[in-house]
Structure formats: C-alpha cells, structure tokens
C-alpha cells in the first residue's frame, strides 16, 4: 500500500472464524458520515456499514434513544409484551400498506419467515404448490432457506441440496417470468433493486408483471427490501415506485440504526399461514431495538422528501468518472450506486481507503456506494474526488500521491 499507514487488525483476530476478507482498517469510532481508526485518521464512509448506518454514526437523536432505553429495559423475550413493538408494527404497516409484522434480528431471518409462510400457504392450497421463482444475481441471505432463493450459484454450491425447488430467471425478463410461474408456484421472490448483485433496479413494468402473474396463479409476491427499503431509493419501499402491493415485504438493515432488527410484513391473508407457535425468535423485537427503530422512522420521515434529490446530485457527480476507460455503466436508484468496471474492483476499493474513503466491491467488478441519507453536497464532492484519484491510482501503472486525511473528533 502507498501513502496511508493502515491500522492492522488486532491479535484477537486469531480466534475468529476466518470467514471475512477484512479491509486493513480497525475502527475506533464514528461521527456523522465519518469513521476514525485507532490512530485518529478520518475515513469518509460511503458504504454505511453495508447500508445499515443510514443516519451515519453517533446521530444525537439515535444516541439519546439508545441511552434512555438502555437504562430502562434492553430485553424481555416475546413471552411478554412491551409498548414499542406494537407501535413499530403499526408504523411499518402504515408506510408499507401491509397488515401484520413479525420481528426478527436480520434480513435473512426475515426472509425465512416469508418463505415459511409461502410454503405453508402453498401446501394448504395444493400439495404440489411449493415451487419458488427467484432472480439470478439476487441475494436474500445465508441461512438454508434464504440461500436457496439466492441467485448466485457460487454462494450455494458448498451447501447444496438446499431443500427448495427454485426456478431462477434473469432480472427484467418478462418472458422468463411468464414461463416460470405456474399453478405449482408458491411465491415469486424479488429484490426491487438487486444490491449484492451489483445495483440493478428492476423495471417498474417487470414488477407490475410479477404482481399480475402471481395474482393470476394464486402465488405470493415477496419483495425483499433488506437493502433497498426504508428510504434508500427515495420511497419508503422500492416496490412503491411501481405502484404495486406485495403480499409479503422483508426489511432489515437500517431499521434499528445499527442494532440487529429485521421485520417481515404480511397481508392479513398471508399472515394466517404462520399461526400461533409455528415460528418465533428469542431476541427479535426487543424493547431497545424497537425503541431505536421508532426514532429511526421519525428521522426518516423528515429526510425522505430529499433523498431522491440528493441521489440525483450524487449520480451527476459520479458521471464525471466516465473519463476513466475502465468505468462502464453507472447504475443507481436513489442513494444506491453501482459503478461497473472492466477491471477487478478490489484494487480501487483499497486505493480509495488509502485516501480516506470507504466503499466496497460486489460481484468482483462493481464499486458499490450506499451513502448515509445525511450526506452533504461537500461530502459528495469529496467522495467522488477521492474515487477519481483511486481509479487513476489503481488502474494505471503510475499511482498518484496519496495525502493522509485527518479530522478532529
């Protein structure tokens, strides 16, 4: 590496399962859109903890809610109730147009609840109604069920067979969709914007077709909004751009502003197929996570009208990167951005980090940006400027000078 002296992971890493290819950065704290390493160096974070930290780090209202609730009650189990779970369910149902909510800890758990409901409903209607339709390139999680509908064979290969009959079709392939859905289809599962798959927005016409064919065949439409939901695209949920209503929606990532919390939202009819004692969780929907999630939704209501405009400004700045020969298509929806490269993306990610910018790479050659909703115009310009330098440094034989950025806490 050149220019920036990275903080290497601590020795405690030797006892962790070596699952992750960690970047050479050990974080000490964060403030706003910025991370700080253990040496006090500043990094502008345009990955948001992979879309989780939608209001950045140490937001005063989120912090206040955390402190207040942590001093009252952190966990109860679901054998008893607390006020915040019902309030959060009501808000999520109101903004989604759905009727019932089940709380879990993550997007993959939320997807498991959706798949169990789809299977139970299908079996109740017809013993053969168990097939699923999903999209190539999609990502729905790493548990057994959610992995079965993830359209990335390299992620499934070690664990197959996964126990679900799934037909995969290409995103936005209307003919493929029509051919795949039949009387044996229990559900069609879509990401309205494929996130891990490289930031591919589904066409509104394709989403409307998915709603029409599932309704005609008596199948459920499941919208996985784990990454693209809760304001990321400029609407509460990305399916709302197509003017449709799914039977089940899955959401997680930013919901509790960094605390683990997922939600599966159902129509009344779909929810009836998860009756009492058919599903559950120990930690999902606890008072701390739900209290913070209510504050997150309050903040989201205030900033949501500006997200589309902020996304358009960010996209206009990213267009300046097209002078790099390796930069191909730039895809976006709201504050989701994917920069397609003709070369591997990891060197660009590391060159950006050397210069004080955190982004990540997906699909091997797509630079993904999921900036916080509070990103300013100055931070957008700074991020794109650093990315411009990183592209030049990583994709040429003559690296540019690398300044070390610092900022006081």
Protein backbone atom coordinates (compact mmCIF):
# COMPACT_ATOMS: atom_id res chain seq x y z
CA UNK A 1 0.00 0.00 0.00
CA UNK A 2 1.11 3.54 -0.66
CA UNK A 3 0.60 6.79 1.16
CA UNK A 4 -1.62 5.75 4.07
CA UNK A 5 -0.42 3.69 7.00
CA UNK A 6 -3.30 1.34 7.67
CA UNK A 7 -4.23 0.21 11.15
CA UNK A 8 -3.88 -3.56 11.07
CA UNK A 9 -6.40 -5.86 12.80
CA UNK A 10 -5.58 -6.72 16.39
CA UNK A 11 -4.23 -10.08 17.56
CA UNK A 12 -7.72 -11.05 18.78
CA UNK A 13 -8.50 -11.89 15.14
CA UNK A 14 -6.61 -15.18 15.54
CA UNK A 15 -9.54 -16.64 17.48
CA UNK A 16 -12.23 -15.63 14.97
CA UNK A 17 -13.52 -17.93 12.26
CA UNK A 18 -11.73 -16.64 9.13
CA UNK A 19 -14.92 -16.02 7.16
CA UNK A 20 -14.31 -12.42 6.13
CA UNK A 21 -11.70 -10.82 3.90
CA UNK A 22 -11.33 -7.78 6.12
CA UNK A 23 -10.04 -4.49 4.83
CA UNK A 24 -6.89 -3.30 6.67
CA UNK A 25 -8.80 -0.92 8.91
CA UNK A 26 -9.56 -1.14 12.62
CA UNK A 27 -12.29 1.31 13.60
CA UNK A 28 -12.29 3.24 16.84
CA UNK A 29 -15.38 5.44 16.49
CA UNK A 30 -17.59 7.35 14.08
CA UNK A 31 -19.25 10.73 13.76
CA UNK A 32 -21.73 11.67 11.05
CA UNK A 33 -20.53 10.23 7.73
CA UNK A 34 -17.01 9.72 9.06
CA UNK A 35 -15.17 6.79 10.61
CA UNK A 36 -11.97 7.15 12.64
CA UNK A 37 -9.37 4.45 13.07
CA UNK A 38 -7.37 3.77 16.23
CA UNK A 39 -4.70 6.25 15.12
CA UNK A 40 -7.30 9.03 14.73
CA UNK A 41 -7.33 9.02 10.92
CA UNK A 42 -10.59 10.00 9.24
CA UNK A 43 -12.39 7.96 6.59
CA UNK A 44 -15.45 9.20 4.73
CA UNK A 45 -17.84 6.23 4.84
CA UNK A 46 -19.93 5.84 1.68
CA UNK A 47 -20.78 2.20 2.46
CA UNK A 48 -22.77 2.92 5.64
CA UNK A 49 -21.94 -0.44 7.19
CA UNK A 50 -23.41 -2.01 4.01
CA UNK A 51 -26.50 0.17 4.17
CA UNK A 52 -27.13 -0.11 7.92
CA UNK A 53 -25.96 3.29 9.18
CA UNK A 54 -28.45 5.33 7.19
CA UNK A 55 -28.06 8.28 9.55
CA UNK A 56 -24.32 7.90 9.93
CA UNK A 57 -22.55 7.44 13.24
CA UNK A 58 -23.43 8.81 16.68
CA UNK A 59 -26.52 10.67 15.48
CA UNK A 60 -27.64 12.63 18.55
CA UNK A 61 -31.28 11.51 18.43
CA UNK A 62 -30.38 7.86 17.90
CA UNK A 63 -27.79 8.06 20.68
CA UNK A 64 -30.30 9.66 23.05
CA UNK A 65 -32.87 6.94 22.38
CA UNK A 66 -30.24 4.25 22.94
CA UNK A 67 -29.10 5.73 26.23
CA UNK A 68 -32.59 6.29 27.58
CA UNK A 69 -33.89 2.82 26.74
CA UNK A 70 -30.70 1.03 27.80
CA UNK A 71 -31.25 2.47 31.27
CA UNK A 72 -34.79 1.11 31.38
CA UNK A 73 -35.04 -2.27 29.68
CA UNK A 74 -32.94 -3.96 26.99
CA UNK A 75 -34.59 -7.39 26.65
CA UNK A 76 -37.87 -9.02 27.68
CA UNK A 77 -38.35 -12.10 25.41
CA UNK A 78 -41.57 -12.46 23.44
CA UNK A 79 -43.38 -14.18 26.31
CA UNK A 80 -44.38 -10.70 27.45
CA UNK A 81 -45.16 -7.52 25.58
CA UNK A 82 -43.75 -4.00 25.59
CA UNK A 83 -45.11 -0.77 24.18
CA UNK A 84 -42.56 -0.20 21.43
CA UNK A 85 -43.13 -3.41 19.48
CA UNK A 86 -46.79 -2.63 18.79
CA UNK A 87 -46.01 1.00 17.93
CA UNK A 88 -43.29 -0.05 15.50
CA UNK A 89 -45.52 -2.68 13.87
CA UNK A 90 -48.23 -0.06 13.34
CA UNK A 91 -45.81 2.38 11.71
CA UNK A 92 -44.29 -0.22 9.43
CA UNK A 93 -47.69 -1.48 8.34
CA UNK A 94 -48.86 2.07 7.66
CA UNK A 95 -45.90 3.01 5.47
CA UNK A 96 -45.81 -0.34 3.66
CA UNK A 97 -49.56 -0.79 3.11
CA UNK A 98 -49.42 -4.25 4.74
CA UNK A 99 -51.27 -5.58 7.76
CA UNK A 100 -49.06 -7.61 10.11
CA UNK A 101 -45.43 -7.54 11.24
CA UNK A 102 -43.09 -10.20 12.61
CA UNK A 103 -39.81 -9.01 14.12
CA UNK A 104 -36.53 -10.91 13.91
CA UNK A 105 -32.84 -10.00 14.03
CA UNK A 106 -31.73 -9.70 10.41
CA UNK A 107 -32.76 -9.72 6.78
CA UNK A 108 -32.04 -13.40 6.34
CA UNK A 109 -34.24 -14.28 9.33
CA UNK A 110 -36.97 -12.04 8.00
CA UNK A 111 -36.74 -13.88 4.68
CA UNK A 112 -37.01 -17.23 6.47
CA UNK A 113 -40.34 -16.14 7.94
CA UNK A 114 -41.54 -15.12 4.49
CA UNK A 115 -40.51 -18.45 2.94
CA UNK A 116 -42.14 -20.45 5.72
CA UNK A 117 -45.38 -18.55 5.25
CA UNK A 118 -45.25 -19.06 1.47
CA UNK A 119 -44.65 -22.78 1.84
CA UNK A 120 -47.37 -23.26 4.46
CA UNK A 121 -49.87 -21.35 2.34
CA UNK A 122 -48.96 -23.27 -0.80
CA UNK A 123 -49.35 -26.63 0.93
CA UNK A 124 -52.70 -25.54 2.37
CA UNK A 125 -53.95 -24.74 -1.13
CA UNK A 126 -52.46 -27.66 -3.05
CA UNK A 127 -49.85 -30.31 -2.09
CA UNK A 128 -47.77 -29.51 -5.20
CA UNK A 129 -47.85 -25.73 -4.71
CA UNK A 130 -44.33 -25.45 -3.30
CA UNK A 131 -42.14 -24.16 -6.14
CA UNK A 132 -40.45 -20.78 -5.90
CA UNK A 133 -39.30 -18.33 -8.56
CA UNK A 134 -36.35 -16.03 -7.89
CA UNK A 135 -33.87 -13.90 -9.81
CA UNK A 136 -30.37 -14.65 -10.99
CA UNK A 137 -27.90 -12.38 -9.24
CA UNK A 138 -30.18 -11.87 -6.26
CA UNK A 139 -29.11 -12.09 -2.63
CA UNK A 140 -31.52 -12.99 0.16
CA UNK A 141 -29.26 -14.17 2.97
CA UNK A 142 -27.08 -17.04 4.11
CA UNK A 143 -29.39 -19.28 6.11
CA UNK A 144 -30.53 -22.51 4.47
CA UNK A 145 -33.87 -21.23 3.19
CA UNK A 146 -32.80 -17.74 2.14
CA UNK A 147 -29.73 -19.17 0.41
CA UNK A 148 -31.98 -21.45 -1.64
CA UNK A 149 -33.57 -18.42 -3.35
CA UNK A 150 -30.27 -16.52 -3.70
CA UNK A 151 -29.45 -16.42 -7.39
CA UNK A 152 -25.67 -16.73 -7.04
CA UNK A 153 -24.55 -20.35 -7.55
CA UNK A 154 -21.11 -19.79 -6.03
CA UNK A 155 -22.74 -18.96 -2.68
CA UNK A 156 -24.99 -22.03 -2.74
CA UNK A 157 -22.50 -24.60 -4.01
CA UNK A 158 -20.97 -25.73 -0.69
CA UNK A 159 -24.37 -26.37 0.89
CA UNK A 160 -26.50 -27.96 -1.80
CA UNK A 161 -29.00 -29.55 -1.93
CA UNK A 162 -30.90 -26.81 -0.11
CA UNK A 163 -34.32 -28.42 0.01
CA UNK A 164 -36.40 -25.99 -2.05
CA UNK A 165 -37.47 -26.23 -5.69
CA UNK A 166 -36.48 -22.88 -7.18
CA UNK A 167 -36.61 -21.65 -10.77
CA UNK A 168 -34.19 -18.79 -11.43
CA UNK A 169 -34.87 -16.25 -14.17
CA UNK A 170 -33.00 -13.17 -15.35
CA UNK A 171 -33.95 -9.80 -13.83
CA UNK A 172 -36.42 -7.89 -16.03
CA UNK A 173 -37.05 -10.98 -18.21
CA UNK A 174 -40.78 -10.76 -18.71
CA UNK A 175 -40.97 -13.80 -20.95
CA UNK A 176 -38.95 -15.87 -18.49
CA UNK A 177 -41.22 -14.77 -15.66
CA UNK A 178 -44.38 -15.70 -17.55
CA UNK A 179 -42.94 -19.14 -18.38
CA UNK A 180 -41.69 -19.85 -14.85
CA UNK A 181 -44.86 -19.08 -12.88
CA UNK A 182 -47.48 -21.84 -12.84
CA UNK A 183 -50.16 -23.35 -10.65
CA UNK A 184 -47.35 -25.05 -8.68
CA UNK A 185 -45.69 -21.74 -7.78
CA UNK A 186 -45.98 -20.81 -4.12
CA UNK A 187 -44.19 -17.47 -4.40
CA UNK A 188 -42.11 -15.20 -6.61
CA UNK A 189 -39.28 -13.55 -4.68
CA UNK A 190 -37.79 -10.28 -5.98
CA UNK A 191 -35.37 -7.60 -4.87
CA UNK A 192 -36.80 -4.40 -6.40
CA UNK A 193 -33.17 -3.24 -6.61
CA UNK A 194 -30.58 -6.02 -6.61
CA UNK A 195 -27.97 -4.88 -4.10
CA UNK A 196 -25.31 -7.55 -3.65
CA UNK A 197 -25.95 -8.44 -7.29
CA UNK A 198 -24.45 -5.14 -8.44
CA UNK A 199 -27.16 -2.43 -8.02
CA UNK A 200 -29.63 -3.46 -10.72
CA UNK A 201 -33.03 -1.72 -10.40
CA UNK A 202 -35.90 -3.86 -11.64
CA UNK A 203 -38.04 -2.19 -14.29
CA UNK A 204 -41.35 -0.95 -12.96
CA UNK A 205 -43.11 -2.85 -15.74
CA UNK A 206 -41.42 -6.08 -14.65
CA UNK A 207 -42.55 -5.56 -11.05
CA UNK A 208 -46.10 -4.88 -12.20
CA UNK A 209 -45.98 -8.04 -14.33
CA UNK A 210 -44.77 -10.02 -11.30
CA UNK A 211 -47.73 -8.73 -9.34
CA UNK A 212 -50.14 -9.62 -12.14
CA UNK A 213 -48.90 -13.17 -12.82
CA UNK A 214 -48.68 -14.12 -9.14
CA UNK A 215 -52.21 -12.89 -8.59
CA UNK A 216 -53.46 -14.86 -11.59
CA UNK A 217 -51.75 -18.10 -10.45
CA UNK A 218 -52.58 -17.75 -6.77
CA UNK A 219 -48.93 -17.29 -5.76
CA UNK A 220 -47.48 -14.80 -3.31
CA UNK A 221 -45.27 -11.90 -4.35
CA UNK A 222 -42.43 -11.42 -1.86
CA UNK A 223 -40.43 -8.18 -2.02
CA UNK A 224 -37.04 -8.37 -0.32
CA UNK A 225 -36.31 -4.79 0.68
CA UNK A 226 -33.48 -5.60 3.09
CA UNK A 227 -31.08 -3.29 1.24
CA UNK A 228 -33.29 -1.11 -0.97
CA UNK A 229 -36.05 -0.44 1.57
CA UNK A 230 -36.71 2.10 4.28
CA UNK A 231 -35.94 5.19 2.26
CA UNK A 232 -32.83 4.11 0.38
CA UNK A 233 -34.41 4.74 -3.06
CA UNK A 234 -36.43 7.82 -2.13
CA UNK A 235 -39.63 5.97 -1.19
CA UNK A 236 -40.28 4.04 1.99
CA UNK A 237 -40.10 0.84 -0.08
CA UNK A 238 -38.72 0.44 -3.59
CA UNK A 239 -41.75 -1.54 -4.79
CA UNK A 240 -43.80 1.61 -4.29
CA UNK A 241 -42.18 3.14 -7.39
CA UNK A 242 -44.10 0.56 -9.45
CA UNK A 243 -47.39 1.28 -7.68
CA UNK A 244 -47.79 -2.32 -6.55
CA UNK A 245 -48.51 -4.05 -3.26
CA UNK A 246 -46.66 -7.30 -2.46
CA UNK A 247 -48.14 -9.98 -0.25
CA UNK A 248 -45.02 -10.04 1.92
CA UNK A 249 -42.22 -7.49 2.31
CA UNK A 250 -38.91 -8.13 4.06
CA UNK A 251 -36.88 -5.33 5.60
CA UNK A 252 -33.92 -5.00 7.95
CA UNK A 253 -30.55 -3.24 7.55
CA UNK A 254 -31.16 0.39 8.65
CA UNK A 255 -34.31 -0.31 10.65
CA UNK A 256 -32.75 -0.04 14.11
CA UNK A 257 -29.87 2.25 13.11
CA UNK A 258 -27.16 -0.32 13.77
CA UNK A 259 -28.86 -2.65 16.22
CA UNK A 260 -29.94 -6.06 14.88
CA UNK A 261 -33.58 -5.91 13.79
CA UNK A 262 -35.48 -7.34 10.85
CA UNK A 263 -39.16 -7.29 10.00
CA UNK A 264 -41.40 -9.43 7.81
CA UNK A 265 -44.57 -7.61 6.79
CA UNK A 266 -47.64 -9.55 5.64
CA UNK A 267 -51.06 -9.02 4.20
CA UNK A 268 -53.73 -10.36 6.52
CA UNK A 269 -54.28 -13.35 4.23
CA UNK A 270 -50.58 -14.26 4.02
CA UNK A 271 -50.12 -13.88 7.77
CA UNK A 272 -52.76 -16.52 8.54
CA UNK A 273 -50.37 -19.22 7.36
CA UNK A 274 -47.99 -18.60 10.26
CA UNK A 275 -50.38 -19.43 13.12
CA UNK A 276 -49.52 -19.46 16.82
CA UNK A 277 -46.39 -21.45 17.70
CA UNK A 278 -45.39 -22.02 14.04
CA UNK A 279 -42.50 -19.56 14.20
CA UNK A 280 -40.64 -17.47 16.76
CA UNK A 281 -37.47 -15.82 17.97
CA UNK A 282 -35.75 -15.14 21.28
CA UNK A 283 -34.26 -11.71 20.58
CA UNK A 284 -36.33 -10.29 17.71
CA UNK A 285 -38.31 -7.16 18.50
CA UNK A 286 -36.86 -6.39 21.90
CA UNK A 287 -37.54 -3.04 23.59
CA UNK A 288 -34.13 -1.49 22.86
CA UNK A 289 -34.13 -2.27 19.14
CA UNK A 290 -37.78 -1.27 18.69
CA UNK A 291 -37.35 2.00 20.61
CA UNK A 292 -34.39 2.95 18.41
CA UNK A 293 -36.26 1.87 15.27
CA UNK A 294 -39.10 4.26 16.13
CA UNK A 295 -36.59 7.10 16.33
CA UNK A 296 -35.11 5.98 13.00
CA UNK A 297 -38.54 6.11 11.34
CA UNK A 298 -39.17 9.55 12.82
CA UNK A 299 -35.91 10.79 11.31
CA UNK A 300 -36.68 9.07 8.02
CA UNK A 301 -40.00 10.85 7.73
CA UNK A 302 -38.14 14.17 7.89
CA UNK A 303 -35.43 13.39 5.30
CA UNK A 304 -37.36 11.16 2.88
CA UNK A 305 -38.52 14.02 0.62
CA UNK A 306 -34.87 14.97 -0.01
CA UNK A 307 -33.35 11.55 -0.71
CA UNK A 308 -34.25 11.43 -4.40
CA UNK A 309 -32.77 14.90 -4.96
CA UNK A 310 -29.60 14.02 -3.03
CA UNK A 311 -29.29 10.83 -5.06
CA UNK A 312 -29.60 12.78 -8.31
CA UNK A 313 -26.79 15.15 -7.23
CA UNK A 314 -24.58 12.23 -6.27
CA UNK A 315 -25.26 10.48 -9.58
CA UNK A 316 -24.43 13.65 -11.54
CA UNK A 317 -21.06 13.83 -9.77
CA UNK A 318 -20.34 10.15 -10.41
CA UNK A 319 -20.88 10.74 -14.13
CA UNK A 320 -17.62 12.71 -14.04
CA UNK A 321 -15.78 9.41 -13.60
CA UNK A 322 -16.62 8.24 -17.11
CA UNK A 323 -13.32 9.62 -18.40
CA UNK A 324 -11.68 6.51 -16.93
CA UNK A 325 -11.57 3.85 -19.65
CA UNK A 326 -12.35 1.09 -17.14
CA UNK A 327 -15.60 2.75 -15.98
CA UNK A 328 -18.60 1.31 -17.77
CA UNK A 329 -22.25 1.53 -16.81
CA UNK A 330 -23.21 3.54 -13.73
CA UNK A 331 -26.44 2.23 -12.19
CA UNK A 332 -28.41 3.90 -9.44
CA UNK A 333 -31.70 4.29 -7.67
CA UNK A 334 -31.94 6.98 -5.01
CA UNK A 335 -28.89 6.59 -2.79
CA UNK A 336 -27.81 3.22 -4.23
CA UNK A 337 -24.97 3.34 -6.75
CA UNK A 338 -23.09 0.70 -8.71
CA UNK A 339 -20.11 1.59 -10.91
CA UNK A 340 -19.40 -1.22 -13.37
CA UNK A 341 -15.70 -1.66 -14.06
CA UNK A 342 -13.93 -3.52 -16.83
CA UNK A 343 -11.28 -4.49 -14.26
CA UNK A 344 -11.41 -6.06 -10.77
CA UNK A 345 -12.76 -3.60 -8.23
CA UNK A 346 -10.83 -4.52 -5.07
CA UNK A 347 -7.71 -2.50 -6.00
CA UNK A 348 -9.95 0.55 -6.41
CA UNK A 349 -11.57 -0.08 -3.02
CA UNK A 350 -8.17 -0.30 -1.33
CA UNK A 351 -6.81 2.74 -3.18
CA UNK A 352 -9.87 4.70 -2.05
CA UNK A 353 -9.37 3.57 1.53
CA UNK A 354 -5.74 4.69 1.41
CA UNK A 355 -7.06 8.13 0.55
CA UNK A 356 -9.71 8.16 3.27
CA UNK A 357 -12.83 6.84 1.51
CA UNK A 358 -14.75 3.67 2.40
CA UNK A 359 -16.66 1.97 -0.43
CA UNK A 360 -16.94 -1.71 -1.26
CA UNK A 361 -16.93 -4.04 -4.23
CA UNK A 362 -19.56 -6.59 -5.20
CA UNK A 363 -19.65 -9.14 -8.00
CA UNK A 364 -15.91 -8.71 -8.36
CA UNK A 365 -16.02 -5.58 -10.50
CA UNK A 366 -18.83 -3.31 -9.27
CA UNK A 367 -17.97 -0.46 -6.91
CA UNK A 368 -20.99 -0.12 -4.62
CA UNK A 369 -21.86 3.07 -2.74
CA UNK A 370 -24.63 3.21 -0.13
CA UNK A 371 -24.06 6.64 1.43
CA UNK A 372 -25.85 7.79 4.59
CA UNK A 373 -29.06 9.71 3.99
CA UNK A 374 -27.46 12.72 5.70
CA UNK A 375 -24.58 13.02 3.21
CA UNK A 376 -23.88 16.65 2.32
CA UNK A 377 -23.02 18.20 -1.03
CA UNK A 378 -19.46 18.81 0.21
CA UNK A 379 -19.12 15.17 1.24
CA UNK A 380 -20.44 14.01 -2.13
CA UNK A 381 -17.81 16.11 -3.92
CA UNK A 382 -15.09 14.86 -1.58
CA UNK A 383 -16.10 11.23 -2.10
CA UNK A 384 -16.17 11.49 -5.88
CA UNK A 385 -12.87 13.36 -5.92
CA UNK A 386 -11.18 10.63 -3.89
CA UNK A 387 -12.78 7.94 -6.04
CA UNK A 388 -11.44 9.70 -9.13
CA UNK A 389 -7.91 9.58 -7.69
CA UNK A 390 -8.36 5.97 -6.59
CA UNK A 391 -9.42 4.89 -10.07
CA UNK A 392 -6.36 6.56 -11.56
CA UNK A 393 -4.06 5.04 -8.97
CA UNK A 394 -5.46 1.51 -9.09
CA UNK A 395 -5.96 1.23 -12.82
CA UNK A 396 -2.70 2.75 -14.01
CA UNK A 397 0.97 1.94 -13.57
CA UNK A 398 1.75 5.33 -12.02
CA UNK A 399 -0.06 5.77 -8.66
CA UNK A 400 -0.99 9.30 -7.69
CA UNK A 401 0.31 10.88 -4.48
CA UNK A 402 -1.80 9.87 -1.51
CA UNK A 403 -2.49 12.51 1.16
CA UNK A 404 -3.31 11.39 4.68
CA UNK A 405 -6.60 12.93 5.71
CA UNK A 406 -7.15 13.90 9.32
CA UNK A 407 -10.04 15.46 11.13
CA UNK A 408 -10.58 16.22 14.81
CA UNK A 409 -13.21 14.32 16.75
